[in-house]
Amino acid sequence: MKIAELSIKRPSLVIVLFTILTLGGILSYTTLNYELLPKFSPSVVSVTTIYPASPSEVENTVSRKIEDAVSSMENIKKIDVKSYESLSTVIIT
């Protein structure tokens, strides 16, 4: 039997079938658990400073001061300091 022929001969069967499918779809959609963005807490902080000088001067005047100020804080696991020409980067984990 074709769907059209079945729909004409037994309309109540088709109505009940579509009602069950619709209710099953609505029930499944309401119980669907999904998260677009998972909950997380970032544990990395990056401090970038621009200071027009040579790398050794940037390290002595900027990077060391930031490193000394941050190292006294609690729960610091790692401090990564990089000094470039006119740029200081401190990554705190």
C-alpha atoms as a PDB file:
ATOM      1  CA  MET A   1       0.000   0.000   0.000  1.00  0.00           C
ATOM      2  CA  LYS A   2       1.111   3.474  -0.703  1.00  0.00           C
ATOM      3  CA  ILE A   3       1.067   6.235   1.901  1.00  0.00           C
ATOM      4  CA  ALA A   4      -1.627   8.211   0.085  1.00  0.00           C
ATOM      5  CA  GLU A   5      -3.862   5.136  -0.265  1.00  0.00           C
ATOM      6  CA  LEU A   6      -3.354   4.229   3.404  1.00  0.00           C
ATOM      7  CA  SER A   7      -4.141   7.807   4.472  1.00  0.00           C
ATOM      8  CA  ILE A   8      -7.430   7.731   2.589  1.00  0.00           C
ATOM      9  CA  LYS A   9      -8.527   4.288   3.771  1.00  0.00           C
ATOM     10  CA  ARG A  10      -7.413   4.602   7.420  1.00  0.00           C
ATOM     11  CA  PRO A  11      -7.118   8.281   8.429  1.00  0.00           C
ATOM     12  CA  SER A  12      -7.255   7.510  12.151  1.00  0.00           C
ATOM     13  CA  LEU A  13      -4.166   5.269  11.877  1.00  0.00           C
ATOM     14  CA  VAL A  14      -2.182   8.054  10.199  1.00  0.00           C
ATOM     15  CA  ILE A  15      -3.336  10.645  12.760  1.00  0.00           C
ATOM     16  CA  VAL A  16      -2.333   8.384  15.668  1.00  0.00           C
ATOM     17  CA  LEU A  17       1.013   7.587  14.030  1.00  0.00           C
ATOM     18  CA  PHE A  18       1.906  11.248  13.462  1.00  0.00           C
ATOM     19  CA  THR A  19       0.732  12.172  16.972  1.00  0.00           C
ATOM     20  CA  ILE A  20       3.000   9.525  18.493  1.00  0.00           C
ATOM     21  CA  LEU A  21       5.945  10.642  16.359  1.00  0.00           C
ATOM     22  CA  THR A  22       5.346  14.316  17.242  1.00  0.00           C
ATOM     23  CA  LEU A  23       5.068  13.624  20.981  1.00  0.00           C
ATOM     24  CA  GLY A  24       8.184  11.434  20.843  1.00  0.00           C
ATOM     25  CA  GLY A  25      10.094  14.225  19.086  1.00  0.00           C
ATOM     26  CA  ILE A  26       8.983  16.850  21.608  1.00  0.00           C
ATOM     27  CA  LEU A  27       9.850  14.555  24.530  1.00  0.00           C
ATOM     28  CA  SER A  28      13.267  13.797  23.049  1.00  0.00           C
ATOM     29  CA  TYR A  29      13.988  17.479  22.433  1.00  0.00           C
ATOM     30  CA  THR A  30      13.104  18.493  26.002  1.00  0.00           C
ATOM     31  CA  THR A  31      15.340  15.802  27.510  1.00  0.00           C
ATOM     32  CA  LEU A  32      18.250  16.622  25.206  1.00  0.00           C
ATOM     33  CA  ASN A  33      21.282  17.811  27.188  1.00  0.00           C
ATOM     34  CA  TYR A  34      23.655  20.012  25.278  1.00  0.00           C
ATOM     35  CA  GLU A  35      26.076  22.798  26.029  1.00  0.00           C
ATOM     36  CA  LEU A  36      27.433  25.055  23.360  1.00  0.00           C
ATOM     37  CA  LEU A  37      30.284  26.339  25.530  1.00  0.00           C
ATOM     38  CA  PRO A  38      31.596  24.177  28.356  1.00  0.00           C
ATOM     39  CA  LYS A  39      32.217  25.783  31.722  1.00  0.00           C
ATOM     40  CA  PHE A  40      35.893  26.435  32.339  1.00  0.00           C
ATOM     41  CA  SER A  41      38.060  28.781  34.308  1.00  0.00           C
ATOM     42  CA  PRO A  42      41.137  30.104  32.522  1.00  0.00           C
ATOM     43  CA  SER A  43      44.309  29.546  34.486  1.00  0.00           C
ATOM     44  CA  VAL A  44      46.712  31.517  32.283  1.00  0.00           C
ATOM     45  CA  VAL A  45      47.304  35.278  32.379  1.00  0.00           C
ATOM     46  CA  SER A  46      49.489  37.069  29.858  1.00  0.00           C
ATOM     47  CA  VAL A  47      51.017  40.505  30.473  1.00  0.00           C
ATOM     48  CA  THR A  48      52.466  42.220  27.416  1.00  0.00           C
ATOM     49  CA  THR A  49      54.264  45.547  27.764  1.00  0.00           C
ATOM     50  CA  ILE A  50      55.685  47.775  25.041  1.00  0.00           C
ATOM     51  CA  TYR A  51      58.801  49.715  26.073  1.00  0.00           C
ATOM     52  CA  PRO A  52      61.056  51.173  23.355  1.00  0.00           C
ATOM     53  CA  ALA A  53      64.516  49.898  24.324  1.00  0.00           C
ATOM     54  CA  SER A  54      66.960  47.042  23.741  1.00  0.00           C
ATOM     55  CA  PRO A  55      66.080  43.523  24.974  1.00  0.00           C
ATOM     56  CA  SER A  56      68.435  43.670  27.968  1.00  0.00           C
ATOM     57  CA  GLU A  57      67.084  47.065  29.019  1.00  0.00           C
ATOM     58  CA  VAL A  58      63.482  45.843  28.642  1.00  0.00           C
ATOM     59  CA  GLU A  59      64.326  42.815  30.781  1.00  0.00           C
ATOM     60  CA  ASN A  60      65.909  44.872  33.569  1.00  0.00           C
ATOM     61  CA  THR A  61      63.397  47.734  33.711  1.00  0.00           C
ATOM     62  CA  VAL A  62      60.088  46.047  32.865  1.00  0.00           C
ATOM     63  CA  SER A  63      60.200  42.246  32.927  1.00  0.00           C
ATOM     64  CA  ARG A  64      62.006  41.855  36.267  1.00  0.00           C
ATOM     65  CA  LYS A  65      59.643  44.269  38.031  1.00  0.00           C
ATOM     66  CA  ILE A  66      56.546  42.458  36.755  1.00  0.00           C
ATOM     67  CA  GLU A  67      58.077  39.079  37.600  1.00  0.00           C
ATOM     68  CA  ASP A  68      58.977  40.183  41.140  1.00  0.00           C
ATOM     69  CA  ALA A  69      55.502  41.635  41.738  1.00  0.00           C
ATOM     70  CA  VAL A  70      53.707  38.534  40.470  1.00  0.00           C
ATOM     71  CA  SER A  71      55.956  35.913  42.093  1.00  0.00           C
ATOM     72  CA  SER A  72      54.791  36.934  45.577  1.00  0.00           C
ATOM     73  CA  MET A  73      51.178  35.956  44.764  1.00  0.00           C
ATOM     74  CA  GLU A  74      49.628  32.652  45.868  1.00  0.00           C
ATOM     75  CA  ASN A  75      48.840  29.648  43.626  1.00  0.00           C
ATOM     76  CA  ILE A  76      51.350  30.598  40.924  1.00  0.00           C
ATOM     77  CA  LYS A  77      52.667  27.450  39.240  1.00  0.00           C
ATOM     78  CA  LYS A  78      54.833  28.865  36.464  1.00  0.00           C
ATOM     79  CA  ILE A  79      56.057  32.250  35.254  1.00  0.00           C
ATOM     80  CA  ASP A  80      57.471  32.476  31.745  1.00  0.00           C
ATOM     81  CA  VAL A  81      59.249  35.743  30.907  1.00  0.00           C
ATOM     82  CA  LYS A  82      60.417  36.737  27.433  1.00  0.00           C
ATOM     83  CA  SER A  83      62.020  40.047  26.534  1.00  0.00           C
ATOM     84  CA  TYR A  84      62.299  41.235  22.967  1.00  0.00           C
ATOM     85  CA  GLU A  85      63.294  44.543  21.455  1.00  0.00           C
ATOM     86  CA  SER A  86      60.635  47.040  22.629  1.00  0.00           C
ATOM     87  CA  LEU A  87      58.429  44.220  23.988  1.00  0.00           C
ATOM     88  CA  SER A  88      58.103  42.290  27.244  1.00  0.00           C
ATOM     89  CA  THR A  89      55.860  39.233  27.618  1.00  0.00           C
ATOM     90  CA  VAL A  90      55.108  37.599  30.977  1.00  0.00           C
ATOM     91  CA  ILE A  91      52.914  34.462  30.968  1.00  0.00           C
ATOM     92  CA  ILE A  92      51.612  33.430  34.392  1.00  0.00           C
ATOM     93  CA  THR A  93      50.122  29.977  35.017  1.00  0.00           C
END
